[in-house]
């Protein structure tokens, strides 16, 4: 860089970024109230929930079937693990809808979200 070359000002950089985004202000581009850098689309959330529900029920059924084959308890373990898989799928869907993180334990995820929202209110 020579003496005549000066770095662009922050306002100039901000203006160029806004133009590159298509004239949308940065706060509007992220989505009002979004928890991440970009708000997930409804289709993406729906696909995630449906995939998690199907896979948790399938894994529960597979574990139950395997245990039934191994232990010889024909439908008992499969029914129990299908119910447990369904409950796990519903809990995962609840976390996605509420915007909770993937912490171990639902209570811990709720506490972290409340703490994060409390910090945002203070700032």
N, C-alpha and C. Protein backbone atom coordinates (compact mmCIF):
# COMPACT_ATOMS: atom_id res chain seq x y z
N UNK A 1 0.84 -1.17 0.00
CA UNK A 1 0.00 0.00 0.00
C UNK A 1 0.88 1.23 0.00
N UNK A 2 0.54 2.20 -0.79
CA UNK A 2 1.30 3.44 -0.83
C UNK A 2 0.65 4.46 0.09
N UNK A 3 1.27 5.62 0.19
CA UNK A 3 0.73 6.68 1.06
C UNK A 3 -0.62 7.18 0.58
N UNK A 4 -0.85 7.15 -0.73
CA UNK A 4 -2.09 7.66 -1.25
C UNK A 4 -3.25 6.67 -1.08
N UNK A 5 -2.91 5.39 -0.98
CA UNK A 5 -3.96 4.38 -0.80
C UNK A 5 -4.37 4.32 0.66
N UNK A 6 -5.60 4.67 0.91
CA UNK A 6 -6.10 4.59 2.29
C UNK A 6 -7.13 3.47 2.35
N UNK A 7 -7.20 2.80 3.46
CA UNK A 7 -8.20 1.72 3.57
C UNK A 7 -9.60 2.31 3.55
N UNK A 8 -10.57 1.56 3.04
CA UNK A 8 -11.94 2.09 3.00
C UNK A 8 -12.49 2.25 4.41
N UNK A 9 -13.39 3.19 4.54
CA UNK A 9 -14.00 3.43 5.85
C UNK A 9 -15.01 2.33 6.15
N UNK A 10 -15.38 2.24 7.43
CA UNK A 10 -16.35 1.23 7.83
C UNK A 10 -17.72 1.48 7.20
N UNK A 11 -18.08 2.74 7.03
CA UNK A 11 -19.35 3.06 6.40
C UNK A 11 -19.37 2.59 4.95
N UNK A 12 -18.22 2.74 4.26
CA UNK A 12 -18.12 2.30 2.88
C UNK A 12 -18.23 0.78 2.79
N UNK A 13 -17.60 0.09 3.69
CA UNK A 13 -17.67 -1.37 3.70
C UNK A 13 -19.10 -1.82 4.00
N UNK A 14 -19.74 -1.16 4.96
CA UNK A 14 -21.12 -1.51 5.31
C UNK A 14 -22.05 -1.27 4.13
N UNK A 15 -21.87 -0.17 3.43
CA UNK A 15 -22.70 0.13 2.27
C UNK A 15 -22.51 -0.91 1.18
N UNK A 16 -21.26 -1.30 0.93
CA UNK A 16 -20.98 -2.30 -0.11
C UNK A 16 -21.54 -3.67 0.26
N UNK A 17 -21.49 -4.02 1.54
CA UNK A 17 -22.08 -5.29 1.98
C UNK A 17 -23.59 -5.29 1.81
N UNK A 18 -24.22 -4.14 2.13
CA UNK A 18 -25.66 -4.03 1.98
C UNK A 18 -26.06 -4.15 0.52
N UNK A 19 -25.29 -3.55 -0.36
CA UNK A 19 -25.56 -3.67 -1.80
C UNK A 19 -25.37 -5.10 -2.27
N UNK A 20 -24.37 -5.78 -1.76
CA UNK A 20 -24.12 -7.17 -2.16
C UNK A 20 -25.24 -8.10 -1.69
N UNK A 21 -25.86 -7.76 -0.56
CA UNK A 21 -26.97 -8.58 -0.05
C UNK A 21 -28.26 -8.29 -0.80
N UNK A 22 -28.25 -7.38 -1.70
CA UNK A 22 -29.45 -7.08 -2.47
C UNK A 22 -30.23 -5.91 -1.91
N UNK A 23 -29.58 -5.03 -1.19
CA UNK A 23 -30.23 -3.86 -0.66
C UNK A 23 -31.00 -4.09 0.62
N UNK A 24 -30.90 -5.27 1.18
CA UNK A 24 -31.59 -5.58 2.42
C UNK A 24 -30.65 -5.28 3.57
N UNK A 25 -31.18 -4.61 4.59
CA UNK A 25 -30.38 -4.30 5.76
C UNK A 25 -29.99 -5.59 6.47
N UNK A 26 -28.86 -5.61 7.13
CA UNK A 26 -28.35 -6.81 7.80
C UNK A 26 -29.29 -7.36 8.84
N UNK A 27 -29.96 -6.50 9.61
CA UNK A 27 -30.88 -6.98 10.64
C UNK A 27 -32.08 -7.68 10.03
N UNK A 28 -32.55 -7.19 8.87
CA UNK A 28 -33.68 -7.82 8.22
C UNK A 28 -33.28 -9.11 7.53
N UNK A 29 -32.04 -9.19 7.03
CA UNK A 29 -31.60 -10.38 6.33
C UNK A 29 -31.50 -11.58 7.25
N UNK A 30 -31.12 -11.36 8.49
CA UNK A 30 -30.99 -12.46 9.44
C UNK A 30 -32.34 -12.97 9.92
N UNK A 31 -33.36 -12.19 9.83
CA UNK A 31 -34.68 -12.59 10.30
C UNK A 31 -34.90 -12.09 11.72
N UNK A 32 -36.03 -11.52 11.94
CA UNK A 32 -36.31 -10.96 13.26
C UNK A 32 -36.48 -12.09 14.26
N UNK A 33 -35.74 -12.01 15.34
CA UNK A 33 -35.87 -13.00 16.39
C UNK A 33 -35.21 -14.32 16.10
N UNK A 34 -34.38 -14.40 15.07
CA UNK A 34 -33.75 -15.68 14.78
C UNK A 34 -32.62 -15.93 15.77
N UNK A 35 -32.40 -17.20 16.07
CA UNK A 35 -31.38 -17.54 17.06
C UNK A 35 -30.03 -17.78 16.43
N UNK A 36 -29.96 -17.98 15.15
CA UNK A 36 -28.70 -18.26 14.49
C UNK A 36 -28.38 -17.19 13.49
N UNK A 37 -27.31 -17.41 12.69
CA UNK A 37 -26.94 -16.42 11.70
C UNK A 37 -28.00 -16.25 10.63
N UNK A 38 -28.70 -17.29 10.28
CA UNK A 38 -29.77 -17.19 9.30
C UNK A 38 -30.94 -18.05 9.77
N UNK A 39 -32.10 -17.57 9.55
CA UNK A 39 -33.29 -18.30 9.99
C UNK A 39 -33.54 -19.48 9.07
N UNK A 40 -33.79 -20.63 9.64
CA UNK A 40 -34.03 -21.83 8.85
C UNK A 40 -35.39 -21.73 8.17
N UNK A 41 -35.48 -22.31 6.98
CA UNK A 41 -36.74 -22.27 6.25
C UNK A 41 -37.73 -23.26 6.85
N UNK A 42 -38.98 -23.03 6.62
CA UNK A 42 -40.02 -23.92 7.12
C UNK A 42 -39.89 -25.32 6.54
N UNK A 43 -39.53 -25.41 5.27
CA UNK A 43 -39.36 -26.72 4.65
C UNK A 43 -38.21 -27.49 5.29
N UNK A 44 -37.14 -26.80 5.59
CA UNK A 44 -35.99 -27.45 6.23
C UNK A 44 -36.33 -27.96 7.62
N UNK A 45 -37.07 -27.16 8.38
CA UNK A 45 -37.47 -27.59 9.72
C UNK A 45 -38.43 -28.77 9.63
N UNK A 46 -39.37 -28.72 8.71
CA UNK A 46 -40.30 -29.83 8.53
C UNK A 46 -39.61 -31.12 8.14
N UNK A 47 -38.63 -31.01 7.25
CA UNK A 47 -37.88 -32.21 6.84
C UNK A 47 -37.06 -32.75 8.01
N UNK A 48 -36.46 -31.87 8.78
CA UNK A 48 -35.67 -32.33 9.93
C UNK A 48 -36.54 -33.06 10.95
N UNK A 49 -37.71 -32.50 11.24
CA UNK A 49 -38.61 -33.12 12.20
C UNK A 49 -39.09 -34.48 11.68
N UNK A 50 -39.49 -34.55 10.42
CA UNK A 50 -40.00 -35.82 9.90
C UNK A 50 -38.91 -36.88 9.85
N UNK A 51 -37.70 -36.50 9.48
CA UNK A 51 -36.59 -37.46 9.44
C UNK A 51 -36.26 -37.94 10.85
N UNK A 52 -36.24 -37.05 11.81
CA UNK A 52 -35.94 -37.46 13.19
C UNK A 52 -37.02 -38.37 13.75
N UNK A 53 -38.28 -38.10 13.45
CA UNK A 53 -39.35 -38.97 13.93
C UNK A 53 -39.24 -40.37 13.33
N UNK A 54 -39.02 -40.44 12.02
CA UNK A 54 -38.93 -41.73 11.35
C UNK A 54 -37.71 -42.51 11.83
N UNK A 55 -36.56 -41.85 11.92
CA UNK A 55 -35.35 -42.58 12.31
C UNK A 55 -35.38 -43.04 13.75
N UNK A 56 -35.92 -42.22 14.65
CA UNK A 56 -35.95 -42.67 16.05
C UNK A 56 -36.89 -43.85 16.23
N UNK A 57 -38.02 -43.86 15.53
CA UNK A 57 -38.93 -45.01 15.61
C UNK A 57 -38.28 -46.23 14.96
N UNK A 58 -37.60 -46.05 13.83
CA UNK A 58 -36.94 -47.17 13.15
C UNK A 58 -35.81 -47.75 14.02
N UNK A 59 -35.02 -46.90 14.63
CA UNK A 59 -33.93 -47.39 15.50
C UNK A 59 -34.51 -48.10 16.71
N UNK A 60 -35.55 -47.56 17.30
CA UNK A 60 -36.20 -48.22 18.43
C UNK A 60 -36.75 -49.58 18.04
N UNK A 61 -37.38 -49.66 16.88
CA UNK A 61 -37.90 -50.94 16.40
C UNK A 61 -36.80 -51.94 16.11
N UNK A 62 -35.71 -51.47 15.54
CA UNK A 62 -34.58 -52.37 15.24
C UNK A 62 -33.94 -52.90 16.53
N UNK A 63 -33.77 -52.04 17.50
CA UNK A 63 -33.21 -52.49 18.79
C UNK A 63 -34.16 -53.50 19.44
N UNK A 64 -35.46 -53.21 19.43
CA UNK A 64 -36.44 -54.13 20.00
C UNK A 64 -36.47 -55.46 19.28
N UNK A 65 -36.41 -55.43 17.96
CA UNK A 65 -36.40 -56.67 17.18
C UNK A 65 -35.15 -57.49 17.48
N UNK A 66 -34.01 -56.81 17.57
CA UNK A 66 -32.77 -57.50 17.89
C UNK A 66 -32.81 -58.14 19.27
N UNK A 67 -33.33 -57.40 20.23
CA UNK A 67 -33.44 -57.96 21.58
C UNK A 67 -34.44 -59.12 21.63
N UNK A 68 -35.55 -58.99 20.89
CA UNK A 68 -36.51 -60.09 20.84
C UNK A 68 -35.90 -61.34 20.22
N UNK A 69 -35.13 -61.16 19.17
CA UNK A 69 -34.48 -62.32 18.53
C UNK A 69 -33.46 -62.95 19.47
N UNK A 70 -32.75 -62.13 20.19
CA UNK A 70 -31.69 -62.64 21.07
C UNK A 70 -32.25 -63.29 22.33
N UNK A 71 -33.26 -62.65 22.93
CA UNK A 71 -33.82 -63.12 24.19
C UNK A 71 -35.01 -64.07 24.01
N UNK A 72 -35.61 -64.07 22.83
CA UNK A 72 -36.77 -64.94 22.59
C UNK A 72 -38.06 -64.42 23.18
N UNK A 73 -38.15 -63.14 23.42
CA UNK A 73 -39.37 -62.53 23.96
C UNK A 73 -40.09 -61.84 22.81
N UNK A 74 -40.84 -62.61 22.04
CA UNK A 74 -41.33 -62.22 20.73
C UNK A 74 -41.74 -60.75 20.58
N UNK A 75 -42.89 -60.26 21.01
CA UNK A 75 -43.19 -58.86 20.68
C UNK A 75 -42.87 -57.86 21.78
N UNK A 76 -42.46 -58.33 22.94
CA UNK A 76 -42.38 -57.45 24.10
C UNK A 76 -41.35 -56.33 23.93
N UNK A 77 -40.11 -56.68 23.66
CA UNK A 77 -39.05 -55.66 23.56
C UNK A 77 -39.29 -54.74 22.37
N UNK A 78 -39.82 -55.29 21.28
CA UNK A 78 -40.06 -54.44 20.11
C UNK A 78 -41.11 -53.38 20.40
N UNK A 79 -42.17 -53.75 21.08
CA UNK A 79 -43.21 -52.79 21.43
C UNK A 79 -42.66 -51.72 22.37
N UNK A 80 -41.90 -52.15 23.37
CA UNK A 80 -41.34 -51.20 24.34
C UNK A 80 -40.40 -50.23 23.65
N UNK A 81 -39.51 -50.73 22.78
CA UNK A 81 -38.55 -49.85 22.13
C UNK A 81 -39.18 -49.01 21.02
N UNK A 82 -40.27 -49.47 20.41
CA UNK A 82 -40.99 -48.61 19.48
C UNK A 82 -41.59 -47.41 20.21
N UNK A 83 -42.14 -47.65 21.38
CA UNK A 83 -42.70 -46.55 22.18
C UNK A 83 -41.58 -45.60 22.63
N UNK A 84 -40.47 -46.16 23.08
CA UNK A 84 -39.34 -45.30 23.49
C UNK A 84 -38.79 -44.50 22.30
N UNK A 85 -38.70 -45.12 21.13
CA UNK A 85 -38.24 -44.41 19.93
C UNK A 85 -39.19 -43.29 19.55
N UNK A 86 -40.50 -43.57 19.65
CA UNK A 86 -41.49 -42.52 19.36
C UNK A 86 -41.39 -41.37 20.33
N UNK A 87 -41.18 -41.67 21.62
CA UNK A 87 -41.04 -40.61 22.62
C UNK A 87 -39.78 -39.77 22.36
N UNK A 88 -38.70 -40.44 21.98
CA UNK A 88 -37.47 -39.70 21.66
C UNK A 88 -37.67 -38.81 20.44
N UNK A 89 -38.40 -39.29 19.44
CA UNK A 89 -38.67 -38.49 18.25
C UNK A 89 -39.51 -37.27 18.56
N UNK A 90 -40.53 -37.45 19.39
CA UNK A 90 -41.39 -36.32 19.76
C UNK A 90 -40.60 -35.30 20.57
N UNK A 91 -39.72 -35.77 21.46
CA UNK A 91 -38.91 -34.84 22.24
C UNK A 91 -37.94 -34.06 21.34
N UNK A 92 -37.36 -34.73 20.35
CA UNK A 92 -36.48 -34.02 19.41
C UNK A 92 -37.27 -32.99 18.60
N UNK A 93 -38.47 -33.35 18.18
CA UNK A 93 -39.30 -32.39 17.44
C UNK A 93 -39.64 -31.19 18.31
N UNK A 94 -39.94 -31.42 19.59
CA UNK A 94 -40.22 -30.34 20.52
C UNK A 94 -39.02 -29.40 20.65
N UNK A 95 -37.83 -29.98 20.73
CA UNK A 95 -36.62 -29.14 20.83
C UNK A 95 -36.44 -28.29 19.59
N UNK A 96 -36.70 -28.86 18.41
CA UNK A 96 -36.54 -28.10 17.17
C UNK A 96 -37.54 -26.95 17.12
N UNK A 97 -38.79 -27.24 17.45
CA UNK A 97 -39.83 -26.22 17.38
C UNK A 97 -39.58 -25.10 18.38
N UNK A 98 -39.13 -25.43 19.57
CA UNK A 98 -38.87 -24.42 20.60
C UNK A 98 -37.54 -23.72 20.40
N UNK A 99 -36.71 -24.18 19.48
CA UNK A 99 -35.42 -23.54 19.25
C UNK A 99 -34.39 -23.84 20.31
N UNK A 100 -34.48 -24.99 20.94
CA UNK A 100 -33.53 -25.36 21.98
C UNK A 100 -32.29 -25.97 21.35
N UNK A 101 -31.18 -25.92 22.09
CA UNK A 101 -29.94 -26.51 21.58
C UNK A 101 -29.96 -28.02 21.79
N UNK A 102 -28.88 -28.69 21.42
CA UNK A 102 -28.79 -30.14 21.51
C UNK A 102 -28.07 -30.59 22.76
N UNK A 103 -28.26 -29.88 23.87
CA UNK A 103 -27.66 -30.28 25.13
C UNK A 103 -28.23 -31.60 25.59
N UNK A 104 -27.46 -32.30 26.41
CA UNK A 104 -27.97 -33.53 26.99
C UNK A 104 -28.97 -33.15 28.07
N UNK A 105 -30.17 -33.67 27.96
CA UNK A 105 -31.21 -33.36 28.93
C UNK A 105 -32.02 -32.15 28.51
N UNK A 106 -33.32 -32.32 28.50
CA UNK A 106 -34.20 -31.24 28.09
C UNK A 106 -34.15 -30.07 29.05
N UNK A 107 -34.04 -30.34 30.35
CA UNK A 107 -33.98 -29.27 31.34
C UNK A 107 -32.76 -28.38 31.15
N UNK A 108 -31.62 -28.98 30.84
CA UNK A 108 -30.40 -28.20 30.61
C UNK A 108 -30.53 -27.33 29.36
N UNK A 109 -31.16 -27.85 28.32
CA UNK A 109 -31.34 -27.06 27.10
C UNK A 109 -32.25 -25.86 27.36
N UNK A 110 -33.30 -26.07 28.14
CA UNK A 110 -34.21 -24.96 28.47
C UNK A 110 -33.49 -23.92 29.31
N UNK A 111 -32.68 -24.36 30.29
CA UNK A 111 -31.93 -23.42 31.12
C UNK A 111 -30.96 -22.58 30.28
N UNK A 112 -30.27 -23.22 29.34
CA UNK A 112 -29.33 -22.48 28.49
C UNK A 112 -30.05 -21.45 27.63
N UNK A 113 -31.22 -21.82 27.10
CA UNK A 113 -31.96 -20.87 26.27
C UNK A 113 -32.42 -19.69 27.11
N UNK A 114 -32.94 -19.96 28.31
CA UNK A 114 -33.39 -18.87 29.18
C UNK A 114 -32.24 -17.97 29.59
N UNK A 115 -31.08 -18.57 29.87
CA UNK A 115 -29.91 -17.77 30.24
C UNK A 115 -29.46 -16.89 29.06
N UNK A 116 -29.47 -17.46 27.85
CA UNK A 116 -29.08 -16.69 26.67
C UNK A 116 -30.05 -15.55 26.41
N UNK A 117 -31.35 -15.81 26.58
CA UNK A 117 -32.33 -14.74 26.39
C UNK A 117 -32.21 -13.67 27.46
N UNK A 118 -31.85 -14.07 28.68
CA UNK A 118 -31.64 -13.10 29.76
C UNK A 118 -30.46 -12.20 29.47
N UNK A 119 -29.40 -12.77 28.90
CA UNK A 119 -28.22 -11.98 28.55
C UNK A 119 -28.53 -11.02 27.42
N UNK A 120 -29.39 -11.40 26.48
CA UNK A 120 -29.75 -10.50 25.39
C UNK A 120 -30.56 -9.31 25.91
N UNK A 121 -31.43 -9.57 26.90
CA UNK A 121 -32.25 -8.49 27.45
C UNK A 121 -31.40 -7.47 28.20
N UNK A 122 -30.34 -7.93 28.84
CA UNK A 122 -29.46 -7.02 29.60
C UNK A 122 -28.57 -6.20 28.70
N UNK A 123 -28.25 -6.71 27.53
CA UNK A 123 -27.32 -6.02 26.63
C UNK A 123 -27.97 -4.83 25.96
